[in-house]
Amino acid sequence: MDFYEVIKTRRSVRSYADRPVDPAVLERILDAARLAPSANNVQPWHFVVARDAERRRKLAELCNGQTFIGQAPVVIAACGKSYPSKHHWIAAHMAIVDVTIAVDHLTLAARAEGLGTCWIGAFDHDPIHRFLELPDTHRVMWLTPLGYPSGADAFRQTDRRNALSAIVSDETFEVA
C-alpha cells in the first residue's frame, strides 16, 4: 500500500473481527516500531504484547472499561524508560516523545498490513503497571488494541481535518 494512502486512511478502530493476527505480521509491525528514531538513539521503549483473552479483558477493564480494547486479538502496551539529560528543556519528557514516535510507526505499519489500532491514553497507570509486572524504571505510556476491523468502512478517508493553511505559517506564527 502506498505510504500516503496509509496515512490518509489510518483511523481509530473500535470494533474488531474475531480473526487472529498472523505472528509474522505482528513481528513486522513490532519491527517497524523498533526502527523508530529516538533522541541520542536511546530507544527507551519496551512493548508488552497481550494475546491471552483474559489478560486482554483485564487490560480493557483497567482502561476505564473500554471493552472494545479486549475484543481485539492483540493488545500492546507501549512502555518507556526515562533517561537523564541536562541538555534540553524537554529532557524529562523525551521517553514519552520517543515511545510516541515508535507507536506511530507501529500504527502506520498495522494499517499497511490491513489491521486496525486505536491510541489508548485513558487508563489507570498504577494498576496496569502492577498487572504487567513492570519494573519501577518503566512507565506505561500508551496502549493499543490490534486486529482486523469488523466494519467495512473502518479505513474510510475523512474530511474532518483542518486545512493546511490553518496550521502552517511562513516565517512567523500567524493564524489564518
N, C-alpha and C. Protein backbone atom coordinates (compact mmCIF):
# COMPACT_ATOMS: atom_id res chain seq x y z
N MET A 1 0.85 -1.17 0.00
CA MET A 1 0.00 0.00 0.00
C MET A 1 0.90 1.24 0.00
N ASP A 2 0.54 2.24 -0.77
CA ASP A 2 1.26 3.49 -0.85
C ASP A 2 1.29 4.16 0.52
N PHE A 3 2.44 4.72 0.89
CA PHE A 3 2.62 5.35 2.20
C PHE A 3 1.58 6.44 2.47
N TYR A 4 1.33 7.28 1.50
CA TYR A 4 0.37 8.37 1.70
C TYR A 4 -1.06 7.83 1.84
N GLU A 5 -1.35 6.73 1.21
CA GLU A 5 -2.66 6.08 1.39
C GLU A 5 -2.78 5.53 2.81
N VAL A 6 -1.69 4.99 3.34
CA VAL A 6 -1.67 4.52 4.73
C VAL A 6 -2.01 5.68 5.66
N ILE A 7 -1.35 6.81 5.47
CA ILE A 7 -1.59 7.98 6.32
C ILE A 7 -3.03 8.49 6.19
N LYS A 8 -3.51 8.58 4.98
CA LYS A 8 -4.86 9.11 4.75
C LYS A 8 -5.96 8.21 5.30
N THR A 9 -5.71 6.92 5.41
CA THR A 9 -6.78 6.00 5.79
C THR A 9 -6.61 5.37 7.17
N ARG A 10 -5.58 5.73 7.90
CA ARG A 10 -5.45 5.20 9.26
C ARG A 10 -6.51 5.84 10.15
N ARG A 11 -7.22 5.04 10.87
CA ARG A 11 -8.29 5.50 11.75
C ARG A 11 -8.20 4.80 13.09
N SER A 12 -8.87 5.36 14.09
CA SER A 12 -9.02 4.69 15.38
C SER A 12 -10.12 3.66 15.24
N VAL A 13 -9.75 2.41 15.36
CA VAL A 13 -10.69 1.31 15.19
C VAL A 13 -11.18 0.86 16.57
N ARG A 14 -12.50 0.76 16.71
CA ARG A 14 -13.09 0.38 17.99
C ARG A 14 -14.00 -0.84 17.88
N SER A 15 -13.85 -1.58 16.80
CA SER A 15 -14.63 -2.80 16.61
C SER A 15 -13.77 -3.78 15.81
N TYR A 16 -13.51 -4.94 16.40
CA TYR A 16 -12.57 -5.88 15.81
C TYR A 16 -13.23 -7.21 15.47
N ALA A 17 -12.81 -7.78 14.35
CA ALA A 17 -13.29 -9.09 13.91
C ALA A 17 -12.64 -10.17 14.77
N ASP A 18 -13.32 -11.28 14.89
CA ASP A 18 -12.79 -12.43 15.62
C ASP A 18 -11.87 -13.20 14.68
N ARG A 19 -10.71 -12.64 14.44
CA ARG A 19 -9.74 -13.19 13.50
C ARG A 19 -8.34 -12.99 14.06
N PRO A 20 -7.56 -14.04 14.20
CA PRO A 20 -6.21 -13.90 14.78
C PRO A 20 -5.27 -13.12 13.85
N VAL A 21 -4.26 -12.55 14.45
CA VAL A 21 -3.22 -11.85 13.71
C VAL A 21 -2.07 -12.84 13.51
N ASP A 22 -1.67 -13.02 12.26
CA ASP A 22 -0.57 -13.92 11.94
C ASP A 22 0.69 -13.46 12.68
N PRO A 23 1.40 -14.37 13.35
CA PRO A 23 2.61 -13.99 14.08
C PRO A 23 3.65 -13.26 13.23
N ALA A 24 3.79 -13.62 11.97
CA ALA A 24 4.76 -12.94 11.09
C ALA A 24 4.35 -11.49 10.84
N VAL A 25 3.05 -11.25 10.72
CA VAL A 25 2.54 -9.89 10.52
C VAL A 25 2.80 -9.07 11.78
N LEU A 26 2.49 -9.65 12.94
CA LEU A 26 2.73 -8.96 14.21
C LEU A 26 4.21 -8.63 14.37
N GLU A 27 5.07 -9.55 14.00
CA GLU A 27 6.51 -9.30 14.11
C GLU A 27 6.94 -8.14 13.20
N ARG A 28 6.41 -8.08 11.99
CA ARG A 28 6.75 -6.96 11.08
C ARG A 28 6.30 -5.63 11.68
N ILE A 29 5.12 -5.62 12.27
CA ILE A 29 4.59 -4.39 12.87
C ILE A 29 5.46 -3.96 14.05
N LEU A 30 5.80 -4.89 14.91
CA LEU A 30 6.66 -4.57 16.06
C LEU A 30 8.05 -4.14 15.59
N ASP A 31 8.53 -4.72 14.50
CA ASP A 31 9.83 -4.33 13.98
C ASP A 31 9.79 -2.89 13.45
N ALA A 32 8.67 -2.48 12.89
CA ALA A 32 8.53 -1.08 12.45
C ALA A 32 8.67 -0.14 13.64
N ALA A 33 8.11 -0.53 14.78
CA ALA A 33 8.25 0.28 15.99
C ALA A 33 9.71 0.30 16.46
N ARG A 34 10.35 -0.83 16.39
CA ARG A 34 11.76 -0.94 16.80
C ARG A 34 12.65 -0.01 15.99
N LEU A 35 12.31 0.21 14.73
CA LEU A 35 13.13 1.02 13.84
C LEU A 35 12.92 2.52 13.99
N ALA A 36 12.02 2.93 14.87
CA ALA A 36 11.74 4.35 15.06
C ALA A 36 12.97 5.10 15.58
N PRO A 37 13.08 6.36 15.22
CA PRO A 37 14.19 7.15 15.76
C PRO A 37 13.93 7.52 17.22
N SER A 38 15.00 7.80 17.95
CA SER A 38 14.87 8.28 19.33
C SER A 38 16.02 9.23 19.61
N ALA A 39 15.82 10.11 20.58
CA ALA A 39 16.86 11.07 20.95
C ALA A 39 18.12 10.32 21.38
N ASN A 40 19.23 10.71 20.83
CA ASN A 40 20.52 10.10 21.15
C ASN A 40 20.51 8.58 20.96
N ASN A 41 19.57 8.08 20.16
CA ASN A 41 19.43 6.65 19.89
C ASN A 41 19.28 5.82 21.17
N VAL A 42 18.62 6.39 22.17
CA VAL A 42 18.44 5.72 23.46
C VAL A 42 17.47 4.54 23.34
N GLN A 43 16.47 4.65 22.47
CA GLN A 43 15.48 3.59 22.27
C GLN A 43 14.88 3.14 23.61
N PRO A 44 14.15 4.03 24.29
CA PRO A 44 13.67 3.74 25.65
C PRO A 44 12.44 2.85 25.73
N TRP A 45 12.01 2.29 24.62
CA TRP A 45 10.74 1.57 24.58
C TRP A 45 10.86 0.10 24.93
N HIS A 46 9.73 -0.41 25.39
CA HIS A 46 9.56 -1.85 25.60
C HIS A 46 8.07 -2.12 25.36
N PHE A 47 7.76 -3.13 24.57
CA PHE A 47 6.37 -3.43 24.22
C PHE A 47 5.95 -4.74 24.87
N VAL A 48 4.87 -4.67 25.63
CA VAL A 48 4.29 -5.87 26.23
C VAL A 48 3.10 -6.26 25.36
N VAL A 49 3.14 -7.46 24.80
CA VAL A 49 2.11 -7.93 23.87
C VAL A 49 1.22 -8.93 24.60
N ALA A 50 -0.06 -8.59 24.71
CA ALA A 50 -1.03 -9.47 25.36
C ALA A 50 -1.90 -10.13 24.30
N ARG A 51 -1.89 -11.46 24.28
CA ARG A 51 -2.72 -12.23 23.35
C ARG A 51 -3.80 -13.03 24.08
N ASP A 52 -3.54 -13.36 25.34
CA ASP A 52 -4.47 -14.15 26.13
C ASP A 52 -5.76 -13.37 26.35
N ALA A 53 -6.90 -14.01 26.09
CA ALA A 53 -8.21 -13.34 26.16
C ALA A 53 -8.49 -12.74 27.54
N GLU A 54 -8.16 -13.44 28.59
CA GLU A 54 -8.43 -12.92 29.94
C GLU A 54 -7.52 -11.74 30.26
N ARG A 55 -6.28 -11.78 29.83
CA ARG A 55 -5.38 -10.64 30.05
C ARG A 55 -5.84 -9.42 29.26
N ARG A 56 -6.31 -9.64 28.04
CA ARG A 56 -6.83 -8.52 27.24
C ARG A 56 -8.07 -7.92 27.88
N ARG A 57 -8.95 -8.77 28.39
CA ARG A 57 -10.16 -8.29 29.06
C ARG A 57 -9.79 -7.46 30.29
N LYS A 58 -8.82 -7.91 31.05
CA LYS A 58 -8.39 -7.18 32.25
C LYS A 58 -7.76 -5.84 31.87
N LEU A 59 -6.96 -5.81 30.81
CA LEU A 59 -6.38 -4.54 30.36
C LEU A 59 -7.48 -3.57 29.95
N ALA A 60 -8.51 -4.07 29.27
CA ALA A 60 -9.64 -3.21 28.87
C ALA A 60 -10.33 -2.64 30.11
N GLU A 61 -10.49 -3.46 31.11
CA GLU A 61 -11.10 -3.01 32.37
C GLU A 61 -10.27 -1.90 33.00
N LEU A 62 -8.95 -2.05 32.95
CA LEU A 62 -8.05 -1.04 33.53
C LEU A 62 -7.94 0.21 32.66
N CYS A 63 -8.48 0.15 31.47
CA CYS A 63 -8.53 1.32 30.57
C CYS A 63 -9.93 1.93 30.65
N ASN A 64 -10.36 2.19 31.84
CA ASN A 64 -11.67 2.82 32.08
C ASN A 64 -12.81 2.03 31.48
N GLY A 65 -12.68 0.71 31.43
CA GLY A 65 -13.76 -0.14 30.96
C GLY A 65 -14.04 -0.05 29.47
N GLN A 66 -13.07 0.35 28.68
CA GLN A 66 -13.25 0.42 27.22
C GLN A 66 -13.19 -1.00 26.66
N THR A 67 -14.33 -1.67 26.66
CA THR A 67 -14.38 -3.11 26.36
C THR A 67 -13.87 -3.47 24.97
N PHE A 68 -13.97 -2.55 24.01
CA PHE A 68 -13.51 -2.88 22.66
C PHE A 68 -12.03 -3.23 22.64
N ILE A 69 -11.27 -2.71 23.59
CA ILE A 69 -9.83 -3.00 23.65
C ILE A 69 -9.60 -4.50 23.79
N GLY A 70 -10.34 -5.12 24.68
CA GLY A 70 -10.18 -6.54 24.92
C GLY A 70 -10.74 -7.42 23.82
N GLN A 71 -11.55 -6.86 22.93
CA GLN A 71 -12.11 -7.64 21.83
C GLN A 71 -11.10 -7.87 20.70
N ALA A 72 -10.08 -7.03 20.63
CA ALA A 72 -9.04 -7.22 19.62
C ALA A 72 -8.21 -8.45 20.01
N PRO A 73 -7.68 -9.17 19.03
CA PRO A 73 -6.90 -10.37 19.34
C PRO A 73 -5.54 -10.09 19.99
N VAL A 74 -5.10 -8.83 19.92
CA VAL A 74 -3.82 -8.44 20.49
C VAL A 74 -4.00 -7.08 21.15
N VAL A 75 -3.39 -6.90 22.31
CA VAL A 75 -3.30 -5.58 22.94
C VAL A 75 -1.82 -5.35 23.23
N ILE A 76 -1.34 -4.18 22.83
CA ILE A 76 0.07 -3.85 23.03
C ILE A 76 0.17 -2.68 24.00
N ALA A 77 0.97 -2.88 25.03
CA ALA A 77 1.27 -1.80 25.98
C ALA A 77 2.66 -1.27 25.63
N ALA A 78 2.70 -0.01 25.28
CA ALA A 78 3.98 0.63 24.94
C ALA A 78 4.52 1.30 26.20
N CYS A 79 5.64 0.81 26.65
CA CYS A 79 6.23 1.28 27.90
C CYS A 79 7.53 2.02 27.57
N GLY A 80 7.92 2.88 28.48
CA GLY A 80 9.16 3.62 28.27
C GLY A 80 9.95 3.78 29.54
N LYS A 81 11.23 3.92 29.35
CA LYS A 81 12.16 4.11 30.46
C LYS A 81 12.71 5.52 30.34
N SER A 82 12.53 6.31 31.40
CA SER A 82 13.05 7.68 31.39
C SER A 82 14.58 7.63 31.37
N TYR A 83 15.14 8.64 30.76
CA TYR A 83 16.59 8.72 30.75
C TYR A 83 17.01 10.15 31.02
N PRO A 84 18.09 10.29 31.79
CA PRO A 84 18.50 11.64 32.19
C PRO A 84 19.22 12.37 31.07
N SER A 85 18.96 13.65 31.02
CA SER A 85 19.67 14.53 30.11
C SER A 85 19.50 15.94 30.62
N LYS A 86 20.56 16.68 30.64
CA LYS A 86 20.50 18.07 31.12
C LYS A 86 20.69 19.04 29.96
N HIS A 87 20.65 18.51 28.74
CA HIS A 87 20.98 19.34 27.59
C HIS A 87 19.77 19.99 26.93
N HIS A 88 18.56 19.56 27.25
CA HIS A 88 17.39 20.07 26.55
C HIS A 88 16.27 20.36 27.54
N TRP A 89 15.45 21.34 27.23
CA TRP A 89 14.32 21.68 28.09
C TRP A 89 13.32 20.54 28.15
N ILE A 90 13.28 19.71 27.14
CA ILE A 90 12.29 18.64 27.06
C ILE A 90 12.82 17.31 27.61
N ALA A 91 14.02 17.33 28.17
CA ALA A 91 14.69 16.09 28.58
C ALA A 91 13.83 15.21 29.47
N ALA A 92 13.11 15.79 30.41
CA ALA A 92 12.30 14.98 31.34
C ALA A 92 11.18 14.24 30.62
N HIS A 93 10.86 14.66 29.41
CA HIS A 93 9.75 14.07 28.67
C HIS A 93 10.18 13.30 27.42
N MET A 94 11.46 13.16 27.21
CA MET A 94 11.92 12.55 25.96
C MET A 94 11.47 11.10 25.79
N ALA A 95 11.37 10.36 26.88
CA ALA A 95 10.90 8.98 26.74
C ALA A 95 9.48 8.96 26.19
N ILE A 96 8.65 9.90 26.64
CA ILE A 96 7.27 9.98 26.12
C ILE A 96 7.30 10.28 24.63
N VAL A 97 8.11 11.23 24.23
CA VAL A 97 8.22 11.59 22.82
C VAL A 97 8.70 10.39 22.01
N ASP A 98 9.76 9.75 22.46
CA ASP A 98 10.34 8.64 21.71
C ASP A 98 9.39 7.46 21.61
N VAL A 99 8.72 7.11 22.70
CA VAL A 99 7.77 6.00 22.66
C VAL A 99 6.59 6.35 21.75
N THR A 100 6.18 7.61 21.76
CA THR A 100 5.09 8.04 20.88
C THR A 100 5.48 7.89 19.41
N ILE A 101 6.70 8.24 19.08
CA ILE A 101 7.16 8.05 17.69
C ILE A 101 7.13 6.57 17.32
N ALA A 102 7.59 5.72 18.23
CA ALA A 102 7.60 4.28 17.96
C ALA A 102 6.18 3.74 17.78
N VAL A 103 5.24 4.21 18.61
CA VAL A 103 3.86 3.76 18.48
C VAL A 103 3.25 4.27 17.18
N ASP A 104 3.62 5.46 16.76
CA ASP A 104 3.13 5.95 15.47
C ASP A 104 3.62 5.05 14.34
N HIS A 105 4.89 4.66 14.39
CA HIS A 105 5.40 3.69 13.40
C HIS A 105 4.57 2.41 13.44
N LEU A 106 4.28 1.94 14.65
CA LEU A 106 3.51 0.71 14.84
C LEU A 106 2.11 0.83 14.23
N THR A 107 1.42 1.94 14.50
CA THR A 107 0.05 2.09 13.99
C THR A 107 0.02 2.22 12.47
N LEU A 108 1.01 2.89 11.91
CA LEU A 108 1.05 3.02 10.45
C LEU A 108 1.40 1.69 9.79
N ALA A 109 2.31 0.94 10.40
CA ALA A 109 2.65 -0.38 9.87
C ALA A 109 1.44 -1.31 9.95
N ALA A 110 0.69 -1.21 11.05
CA ALA A 110 -0.52 -2.02 11.18
C ALA A 110 -1.50 -1.70 10.07
N ARG A 111 -1.69 -0.43 9.78
CA ARG A 111 -2.62 -0.04 8.70
C ARG A 111 -2.14 -0.59 7.36
N ALA A 112 -0.84 -0.53 7.12
CA ALA A 112 -0.29 -1.06 5.87
C ALA A 112 -0.54 -2.56 5.74
N GLU A 113 -0.67 -3.24 6.86
CA GLU A 113 -0.94 -4.68 6.88
C GLU A 113 -2.44 -4.99 6.89
N GLY A 114 -3.29 -3.94 6.86
CA GLY A 114 -4.73 -4.16 6.87
C GLY A 114 -5.32 -4.31 8.26
N LEU A 115 -4.55 -3.98 9.28
CA LEU A 115 -5.01 -4.09 10.66
C LEU A 115 -5.37 -2.72 11.22
N GLY A 116 -6.21 -2.74 12.23
CA GLY A 116 -6.62 -1.51 12.89
C GLY A 116 -6.00 -1.41 14.28
N THR A 117 -5.90 -0.17 14.74
CA THR A 117 -5.38 0.15 16.06
C THR A 117 -6.18 1.30 16.63
N CYS A 118 -5.96 1.63 17.88
CA CYS A 118 -6.58 2.81 18.48
C CYS A 118 -5.68 3.26 19.63
N TRP A 119 -5.19 4.48 19.55
CA TRP A 119 -4.35 5.02 20.63
C TRP A 119 -5.17 5.06 21.91
N ILE A 120 -4.64 4.48 22.96
CA ILE A 120 -5.32 4.49 24.26
C ILE A 120 -4.41 5.19 25.27
N GLY A 121 -4.90 6.31 25.75
CA GLY A 121 -4.18 7.05 26.79
C GLY A 121 -4.99 7.16 28.07
N ALA A 122 -6.25 6.75 28.00
CA ALA A 122 -7.13 6.81 29.17
C ALA A 122 -7.04 5.48 29.91
N PHE A 123 -6.21 5.45 30.93
CA PHE A 123 -6.07 4.24 31.72
C PHE A 123 -5.54 4.60 33.10
N ASP A 124 -5.70 3.70 34.02
CA ASP A 124 -5.23 3.85 35.38
C ASP A 124 -3.83 3.25 35.45
N HIS A 125 -2.83 4.12 35.47
CA HIS A 125 -1.45 3.67 35.31
C HIS A 125 -0.98 2.65 36.35
N ASP A 126 -1.13 2.95 37.61
CA ASP A 126 -0.54 2.08 38.63
C ASP A 126 -1.06 0.65 38.58
N PRO A 127 -2.37 0.43 38.46
CA PRO A 127 -2.83 -0.96 38.35
C PRO A 127 -2.30 -1.68 37.10
N ILE A 128 -2.22 -0.97 35.97
CA ILE A 128 -1.67 -1.60 34.76
C ILE A 128 -0.19 -1.90 34.95
N HIS A 129 0.52 -0.98 35.57
CA HIS A 129 1.94 -1.18 35.86
C HIS A 129 2.13 -2.47 36.67
N ARG A 130 1.32 -2.64 37.69
CA ARG A 130 1.41 -3.86 38.52
C ARG A 130 0.98 -5.09 37.73
N PHE A 131 -0.12 -4.96 36.99
CA PHE A 131 -0.66 -6.09 36.22
C PHE A 131 0.35 -6.62 35.21
N LEU A 132 1.09 -5.72 34.57
CA LEU A 132 2.09 -6.12 33.57
C LEU A 132 3.44 -6.44 34.20
N GLU A 133 3.53 -6.27 35.51
CA GLU A 133 4.75 -6.57 36.27
C GLU A 133 5.95 -5.78 35.75
N LEU A 134 5.72 -4.49 35.49
CA LEU A 134 6.80 -3.63 35.02
C LEU A 134 7.75 -3.29 36.15
N PRO A 135 9.03 -3.15 35.83
CA PRO A 135 9.96 -2.66 36.85
C PRO A 135 9.69 -1.17 37.11
N ASP A 136 10.17 -0.67 38.23
CA ASP A 136 9.95 0.74 38.58
C ASP A 136 10.61 1.70 37.60
N THR A 137 11.54 1.22 36.81
CA THR A 137 12.24 2.07 35.84
C THR A 137 11.38 2.40 34.62
N HIS A 138 10.27 1.70 34.44
CA HIS A 138 9.43 1.87 33.25
C HIS A 138 8.03 2.36 33.60
N ARG A 139 7.43 3.04 32.64
CA ARG A 139 6.06 3.53 32.78
C ARG A 139 5.27 3.10 31.54
N VAL A 140 4.00 2.76 31.72
CA VAL A 140 3.13 2.52 30.57
C VAL A 140 2.77 3.89 30.01
N MET A 141 2.97 4.07 28.73
CA MET A 141 2.70 5.37 28.12
C MET A 141 1.48 5.33 27.21
N TRP A 142 1.31 4.27 26.48
CA TRP A 142 0.19 4.11 25.56
C TRP A 142 -0.18 2.64 25.50
N LEU A 143 -1.41 2.38 25.13
CA LEU A 143 -1.82 1.03 24.78
C LEU A 143 -2.54 1.11 23.44
N THR A 144 -2.55 0.01 22.74
CA THR A 144 -3.36 -0.06 21.52
C THR A 144 -3.86 -1.49 21.33
N PRO A 145 -5.15 -1.61 21.04
CA PRO A 145 -5.62 -2.90 20.54
C PRO A 145 -5.11 -3.04 19.11
N LEU A 146 -5.01 -4.27 18.64
CA LEU A 146 -4.51 -4.52 17.29
C LEU A 146 -5.28 -5.70 16.73
N GLY A 147 -5.92 -5.47 15.58
CA GLY A 147 -6.66 -6.56 14.96
C GLY A 147 -7.32 -6.10 13.68
N TYR A 148 -8.03 -7.03 13.06
CA TYR A 148 -8.74 -6.71 11.83
C TYR A 148 -10.06 -6.03 12.17
N PRO A 149 -10.34 -4.88 11.56
CA PRO A 149 -11.60 -4.19 11.84
C PRO A 149 -12.80 -5.03 11.43
N SER A 150 -13.90 -4.90 12.18
CA SER A 150 -15.11 -5.64 11.81
C SER A 150 -16.00 -4.83 10.88
N GLY A 151 -15.83 -3.53 10.83
CA GLY A 151 -16.64 -2.69 9.96
C GLY A 151 -16.03 -2.51 8.59
N ALA A 152 -16.85 -2.53 7.56
CA ALA A 152 -16.37 -2.40 6.18
C ALA A 152 -15.79 -1.01 5.91
N ASP A 153 -16.25 0.00 6.64
CA ASP A 153 -15.80 1.36 6.37
C ASP A 153 -14.76 1.84 7.39
N ALA A 154 -14.09 0.92 8.06
CA ALA A 154 -13.15 1.27 9.11
C ALA A 154 -12.01 2.15 8.63
N PHE A 155 -11.64 2.06 7.38
CA PHE A 155 -10.50 2.81 6.88
C PHE A 155 -10.89 3.90 5.88
N ARG A 156 -12.13 4.33 5.94
CA ARG A 156 -12.56 5.39 5.02
C ARG A 156 -11.78 6.67 5.31
N GLN A 157 -11.57 7.44 4.27
CA GLN A 157 -10.91 8.72 4.40
C GLN A 157 -11.86 9.71 5.04
N THR A 158 -11.32 10.67 5.76
CA THR A 158 -12.16 11.67 6.40
C THR A 158 -11.80 13.07 5.93
N ASP A 159 -12.76 13.94 5.95
CA ASP A 159 -12.52 15.35 5.64
C ASP A 159 -12.44 16.17 6.92
N ARG A 160 -12.47 15.51 8.05
CA ARG A 160 -12.51 16.21 9.33
C ARG A 160 -11.10 16.56 9.82
N ARG A 161 -10.37 17.24 9.01
CA ARG A 161 -9.04 17.72 9.38
C ARG A 161 -8.96 19.20 9.02
N ASN A 162 -8.19 19.94 9.80
CA ASN A 162 -8.00 21.35 9.49
C ASN A 162 -7.30 21.50 8.15
N ALA A 163 -7.61 22.60 7.49
CA ALA A 163 -6.94 22.90 6.23
C ALA A 163 -5.47 23.20 6.51
N LEU A 164 -4.61 22.89 5.57
CA LEU A 164 -3.19 23.15 5.72
C LEU A 164 -2.94 24.62 6.03
N SER A 165 -3.68 25.50 5.38
CA SER A 165 -3.50 26.94 5.61
C SER A 165 -3.82 27.35 7.04
N ALA A 166 -4.58 26.56 7.76
CA ALA A 166 -4.93 26.88 9.14
C ALA A 166 -3.86 26.45 10.14
N ILE A 167 -2.92 25.64 9.69
CA ILE A 167 -1.92 25.12 10.63
C ILE A 167 -0.47 25.39 10.23
N VAL A 168 -0.26 26.08 9.11
CA VAL A 168 1.09 26.36 8.64
C VAL A 168 1.25 27.87 8.43
N SER A 169 2.35 28.41 8.92
CA SER A 169 2.67 29.82 8.71
C SER A 169 4.05 29.93 8.10
N ASP A 170 4.26 30.98 7.34
CA ASP A 170 5.60 31.25 6.78
C ASP A 170 6.33 32.24 7.66
N GLU A 171 7.52 31.88 8.03
CA GLU A 171 8.47 32.71 8.73
C GLU A 171 8.11 33.05 10.19
N THR A 172 6.90 33.47 10.49
CA THR A 172 6.47 33.75 11.86
C THR A 172 5.08 33.16 12.07
N PHE A 173 4.70 33.02 13.31
CA PHE A 173 3.41 32.42 13.64
C PHE A 173 2.27 33.35 13.23
N GLU A 174 1.38 32.83 12.45
CA GLU A 174 0.16 33.55 12.04
C GLU A 174 -0.98 32.57 12.02
N VAL A 175 -2.15 33.02 12.41
CA VAL A 175 -3.35 32.19 12.33
C VAL A 175 -4.21 32.73 11.20
N ALA A 176 -4.58 31.85 10.30
CA ALA A 176 -5.38 32.27 9.14
C ALA A 176 -6.78 32.65 9.56
